Amino acid sequence: MSPSPGGCTAALTARFRLWRGARGGPGLCSSSAGLEALARLLDALSHPLRLRIVALLWARGELYLAEIASELGVSRALAKVHLKKLEAAGIVESRVVVEEGRAVARRFYRLSWRGEVCVSPERIARLAGVAGGGGGEA
């Protein structure tokens, strides 16, 4: 992978910015809060199916759980497990729609995060408050 401006690789940049949490979270501004936010974000994005969900919601907008599962070729239960992880990290949000006159409630999901992932040893060290000049080559 070739480095892009700012030291991020093109693969990690992926058109998402690390942001100040939409729900008032700390984002990546302070060191310990920044490390925790980065870890939560990377953990939530660390599964190929969750990355596919993010891509699908980005491309198609708000979708019903069954539509997401069908589009990805997985069970609704599996899709819901991954959507809950993404929702806990603030990457997606959901809403429940109750159909009038019927005992049916549907949960719709949409992308709520528009950030950029940019990770480097230097950025991690800065967030951790570790001083140094990058001389850790073996």
C-alpha atoms as a PDB file:
ATOM      1  CA  MET A   1       0.000   0.000   0.000  1.00  0.00           C
ATOM      2  CA  SER A   2       1.315   3.386  -0.858  1.00  0.00           C
ATOM      3  CA  PRO A   3       1.206   6.119   1.756  1.00  0.00           C
ATOM      4  CA  SER A   4      -1.179   8.977   1.211  1.00  0.00           C
ATOM      5  CA  PRO A   5      -0.799  12.530   2.503  1.00  0.00           C
ATOM      6  CA  GLY A   6      -0.517  12.678   6.273  1.00  0.00           C
ATOM      7  CA  GLY A   7       1.077   9.239   6.549  1.00  0.00           C
ATOM      8  CA  CYS A   8      -2.149   7.213   6.222  1.00  0.00           C
ATOM      9  CA  THR A   9      -2.403   4.401   3.734  1.00  0.00           C
ATOM     10  CA  ALA A  10      -5.054   4.705   1.076  1.00  0.00           C
ATOM     11  CA  ALA A  11      -6.662   1.472   2.279  1.00  0.00           C
ATOM     12  CA  LEU A  12      -7.150   2.770   5.817  1.00  0.00           C
ATOM     13  CA  THR A  13      -8.327   6.219   4.836  1.00  0.00           C
ATOM     14  CA  ALA A  14     -11.495   4.881   3.173  1.00  0.00           C
ATOM     15  CA  ARG A  15     -13.256   8.259   3.211  1.00  0.00           C
ATOM     16  CA  PHE A  16     -14.030   8.223   6.924  1.00  0.00           C
ATOM     17  CA  ARG A  17     -12.771  10.860   9.387  1.00  0.00           C
ATOM     18  CA  LEU A  18     -12.210  10.192  13.057  1.00  0.00           C
ATOM     19  CA  TRP A  19     -14.809  12.442  14.542  1.00  0.00           C
ATOM     20  CA  ARG A  20     -16.058  13.930  17.716  1.00  0.00           C
ATOM     21  CA  GLY A  21     -18.827  11.526  18.666  1.00  0.00           C
ATOM     22  CA  ALA A  22     -22.262  12.459  17.373  1.00  0.00           C
ATOM     23  CA  ARG A  23     -23.671  11.512  20.781  1.00  0.00           C
ATOM     24  CA  GLY A  24     -21.307  13.904  22.570  1.00  0.00           C
ATOM     25  CA  GLY A  25     -18.498  11.355  22.909  1.00  0.00           C
ATOM     26  CA  PRO A  26     -14.884  12.393  23.274  1.00  0.00           C
ATOM     27  CA  GLY A  27     -13.754  11.529  19.763  1.00  0.00           C
ATOM     28  CA  LEU A  28      -9.975  11.380  19.403  1.00  0.00           C
ATOM     29  CA  CYS A  29      -9.015  14.605  21.123  1.00  0.00           C
ATOM     30  CA  SER A  30      -7.558  13.545  24.466  1.00  0.00           C
ATOM     31  CA  SER A  31      -4.976  10.807  24.911  1.00  0.00           C
ATOM     32  CA  SER A  32      -6.718   8.094  26.974  1.00  0.00           C
ATOM     33  CA  ALA A  33     -10.169   8.936  25.618  1.00  0.00           C
ATOM     34  CA  GLY A  34      -8.658   9.015  22.138  1.00  0.00           C
ATOM     35  CA  LEU A  35      -7.090   5.583  22.505  1.00  0.00           C
ATOM     36  CA  GLU A  36     -10.351   4.140  23.800  1.00  0.00           C
ATOM     37  CA  ALA A  37     -12.361   5.725  20.989  1.00  0.00           C
ATOM     38  CA  LEU A  38      -9.881   4.480  18.388  1.00  0.00           C
ATOM     39  CA  ALA A  39      -9.941   0.963  19.867  1.00  0.00           C
ATOM     40  CA  ARG A  40     -13.781   0.900  19.853  1.00  0.00           C
ATOM     41  CA  LEU A  41     -13.892   2.124  16.286  1.00  0.00           C
ATOM     42  CA  LEU A  42     -11.287  -0.345  15.024  1.00  0.00           C
ATOM     43  CA  ASP A  43     -12.908  -3.197  16.960  1.00  0.00           C
ATOM     44  CA  ALA A  44     -16.290  -2.417  15.417  1.00  0.00           C
ATOM     45  CA  LEU A  45     -14.781  -2.295  11.928  1.00  0.00           C
ATOM     46  CA  SER A  46     -12.566  -5.364  12.386  1.00  0.00           C
ATOM     47  CA  HIS A  47     -14.877  -7.904  10.772  1.00  0.00           C
ATOM     48  CA  PRO A  48     -15.395  -8.230   7.000  1.00  0.00           C
ATOM     49  CA  LEU A  49     -19.171  -8.586   7.396  1.00  0.00           C
ATOM     50  CA  ARG A  50     -19.371  -5.371   9.413  1.00  0.00           C
ATOM     51  CA  LEU A  51     -17.353  -3.592   6.725  1.00  0.00           C
ATOM     52  CA  ARG A  52     -19.815  -4.917   4.142  1.00  0.00           C
ATOM     53  CA  ILE A  53     -22.719  -3.607   6.241  1.00  0.00           C
ATOM     54  CA  VAL A  54     -21.111  -0.145   6.403  1.00  0.00           C
ATOM     55  CA  ALA A  55     -20.585  -0.190   2.631  1.00  0.00           C
ATOM     56  CA  LEU A  56     -24.164  -1.335   1.997  1.00  0.00           C
ATOM     57  CA  LEU A  57     -25.700   1.344   4.240  1.00  0.00           C
ATOM     58  CA  TRP A  58     -23.442   3.984   2.683  1.00  0.00           C
ATOM     59  CA  ALA A  59     -24.539   2.969  -0.824  1.00  0.00           C
ATOM     60  CA  ARG A  60     -28.244   2.316  -0.198  1.00  0.00           C
ATOM     61  CA  GLY A  61     -29.187   4.429   2.825  1.00  0.00           C
ATOM     62  CA  GLU A  62     -31.616   3.240   5.479  1.00  0.00           C
ATOM     63  CA  LEU A  63     -32.520  -0.446   5.261  1.00  0.00           C
ATOM     64  CA  TYR A  64     -34.656  -2.891   7.206  1.00  0.00           C
ATOM     65  CA  LEU A  65     -32.844  -5.709   9.022  1.00  0.00           C
ATOM     66  CA  ALA A  66     -34.212  -8.383   6.664  1.00  0.00           C
ATOM     67  CA  GLU A  67     -33.071  -6.368   3.622  1.00  0.00           C
ATOM     68  CA  ILE A  68     -29.546  -6.125   5.019  1.00  0.00           C
ATOM     69  CA  ALA A  69     -29.410  -9.842   5.789  1.00  0.00           C
ATOM     70  CA  SER A  70     -30.789 -10.783   2.374  1.00  0.00           C
ATOM     71  CA  GLU A  71     -28.414  -8.468   0.513  1.00  0.00           C
ATOM     72  CA  LEU A  72     -25.413  -9.913   2.373  1.00  0.00           C
ATOM     73  CA  GLY A  73     -26.591 -13.528   2.154  1.00  0.00           C
ATOM     74  CA  VAL A  74     -26.634 -14.106   5.925  1.00  0.00           C
ATOM     75  CA  SER A  75     -29.309 -14.859   8.521  1.00  0.00           C
ATOM     76  CA  ARG A  76     -31.158 -12.005  10.220  1.00  0.00           C
ATOM     77  CA  ALA A  77     -29.727 -13.181  13.554  1.00  0.00           C
ATOM     78  CA  LEU A  78     -26.147 -12.910  12.299  1.00  0.00           C
ATOM     79  CA  ALA A  79     -26.789  -9.530  10.685  1.00  0.00           C
ATOM     80  CA  LYS A  80     -28.349  -8.265  13.931  1.00  0.00           C
ATOM     81  CA  VAL A  81     -25.315  -9.338  16.005  1.00  0.00           C
ATOM     82  CA  HIS A  82     -23.013  -7.344  13.733  1.00  0.00           C
ATOM     83  CA  LEU A  83     -25.391  -4.370  13.525  1.00  0.00           C
ATOM     84  CA  LYS A  84     -25.524  -4.205  17.344  1.00  0.00           C
ATOM     85  CA  LYS A  85     -21.725  -4.015  17.461  1.00  0.00           C
ATOM     86  CA  LEU A  86     -21.721  -1.211  14.881  1.00  0.00           C
ATOM     87  CA  GLU A  87     -24.513   0.585  16.733  1.00  0.00           C
ATOM     88  CA  ALA A  88     -22.672   0.364  20.065  1.00  0.00           C
ATOM     89  CA  ALA A  89     -19.676   2.040  18.421  1.00  0.00           C
ATOM     90  CA  GLY A  90     -21.866   4.838  17.009  1.00  0.00           C
ATOM     91  CA  ILE A  91     -21.296   3.814  13.399  1.00  0.00           C
ATOM     92  CA  VAL A  92     -24.935   2.966  12.654  1.00  0.00           C
ATOM     93  CA  GLU A  93     -28.179   3.955  14.301  1.00  0.00           C
ATOM     94  CA  SER A  94     -31.562   2.307  14.248  1.00  0.00           C
ATOM     95  CA  ARG A  95     -35.180   3.226  14.599  1.00  0.00           C
ATOM     96  CA  VAL A  96     -38.263   1.106  15.137  1.00  0.00           C
ATOM     97  CA  VAL A  97     -41.323   1.624  12.967  1.00  0.00           C
ATOM     98  CA  VAL A  98     -44.623   0.182  14.217  1.00  0.00           C
ATOM     99  CA  GLU A  99     -47.157  -0.561  11.525  1.00  0.00           C
ATOM    100  CA  GLU A 100     -50.549   0.916  12.317  1.00  0.00           C
ATOM    101  CA  GLY A 101     -53.300  -1.625  12.875  1.00  0.00           C
ATOM    102  CA  ARG A 102     -50.835  -4.534  12.993  1.00  0.00           C
ATOM    103  CA  ALA A 103     -48.693  -5.947  15.743  1.00  0.00           C
ATOM    104  CA  VAL A 104     -45.568  -5.520  13.613  1.00  0.00           C
ATOM    105  CA  ALA A 105     -42.493  -3.526  14.506  1.00  0.00           C
ATOM    106  CA  ARG A 106     -39.608  -3.214  12.071  1.00  0.00           C
ATOM    107  CA  ARG A 107     -36.108  -2.009  12.905  1.00  0.00           C
ATOM    108  CA  PHE A 108     -34.410   0.099  10.261  1.00  0.00           C
ATOM    109  CA  TYR A 109     -30.673   0.866  10.254  1.00  0.00           C
ATOM    110  CA  ARG A 110     -28.742   3.717   8.702  1.00  0.00           C
ATOM    111  CA  LEU A 111     -25.166   4.905   8.717  1.00  0.00           C
ATOM    112  CA  SER A 112     -24.711   7.595  11.348  1.00  0.00           C
ATOM    113  CA  TRP A 113     -20.952   7.962  11.086  1.00  0.00           C
ATOM    114  CA  ARG A 114     -19.100   9.840   8.408  1.00  0.00           C
ATOM    115  CA  GLY A 115     -15.510   9.688   9.525  1.00  0.00           C
ATOM    116  CA  GLU A 116     -12.090   8.742   8.281  1.00  0.00           C
ATOM    117  CA  VAL A 117      -9.876   6.033   9.742  1.00  0.00           C
ATOM    118  CA  CYS A 118      -6.231   7.034   9.723  1.00  0.00           C
ATOM    119  CA  VAL A 119      -3.908   4.895  11.835  1.00  0.00           C
ATOM    120  CA  SER A 120      -0.148   5.007  12.200  1.00  0.00           C
ATOM    121  CA  PRO A 121       2.303   4.133  14.979  1.00  0.00           C
ATOM    122  CA  GLU A 122       2.973   7.871  15.354  1.00  0.00           C
ATOM    123  CA  ARG A 123      -0.721   8.677  15.886  1.00  0.00           C
ATOM    124  CA  ILE A 124      -1.125   5.853  18.397  1.00  0.00           C
ATOM    125  CA  ALA A 125       1.967   7.013  20.316  1.00  0.00           C
ATOM    126  CA  ARG A 126       0.660  10.579  20.326  1.00  0.00           C
ATOM    127  CA  LEU A 127      -2.732   9.471  21.680  1.00  0.00           C
ATOM    128  CA  ALA A 128      -0.994   7.333  24.302  1.00  0.00           C
ATOM    129  CA  GLY A 129       1.205  10.255  25.346  1.00  0.00           C
ATOM    130  CA  VAL A 130       4.399   8.394  24.463  1.00  0.00           C
ATOM    131  CA  ALA A 131       7.284  10.588  23.348  1.00  0.00           C
ATOM    132  CA  GLY A 132       9.795   9.380  20.811  1.00  0.00           C
ATOM    133  CA  GLY A 133      11.051   9.710  17.315  1.00  0.00           C
ATOM    134  CA  GLY A 134      10.009   6.441  15.709  1.00  0.00           C
ATOM    135  CA  GLY A 135      13.306   4.667  16.214  1.00  0.00           C
ATOM    136  CA  GLY A 136      11.683   1.311  16.975  1.00  0.00           C
ATOM    137  CA  GLU A 137      12.819  -0.420  13.787  1.00  0.00           C
ATOM    138  CA  ALA A 138      14.322  -3.840  14.338  1.00  0.00           C
END
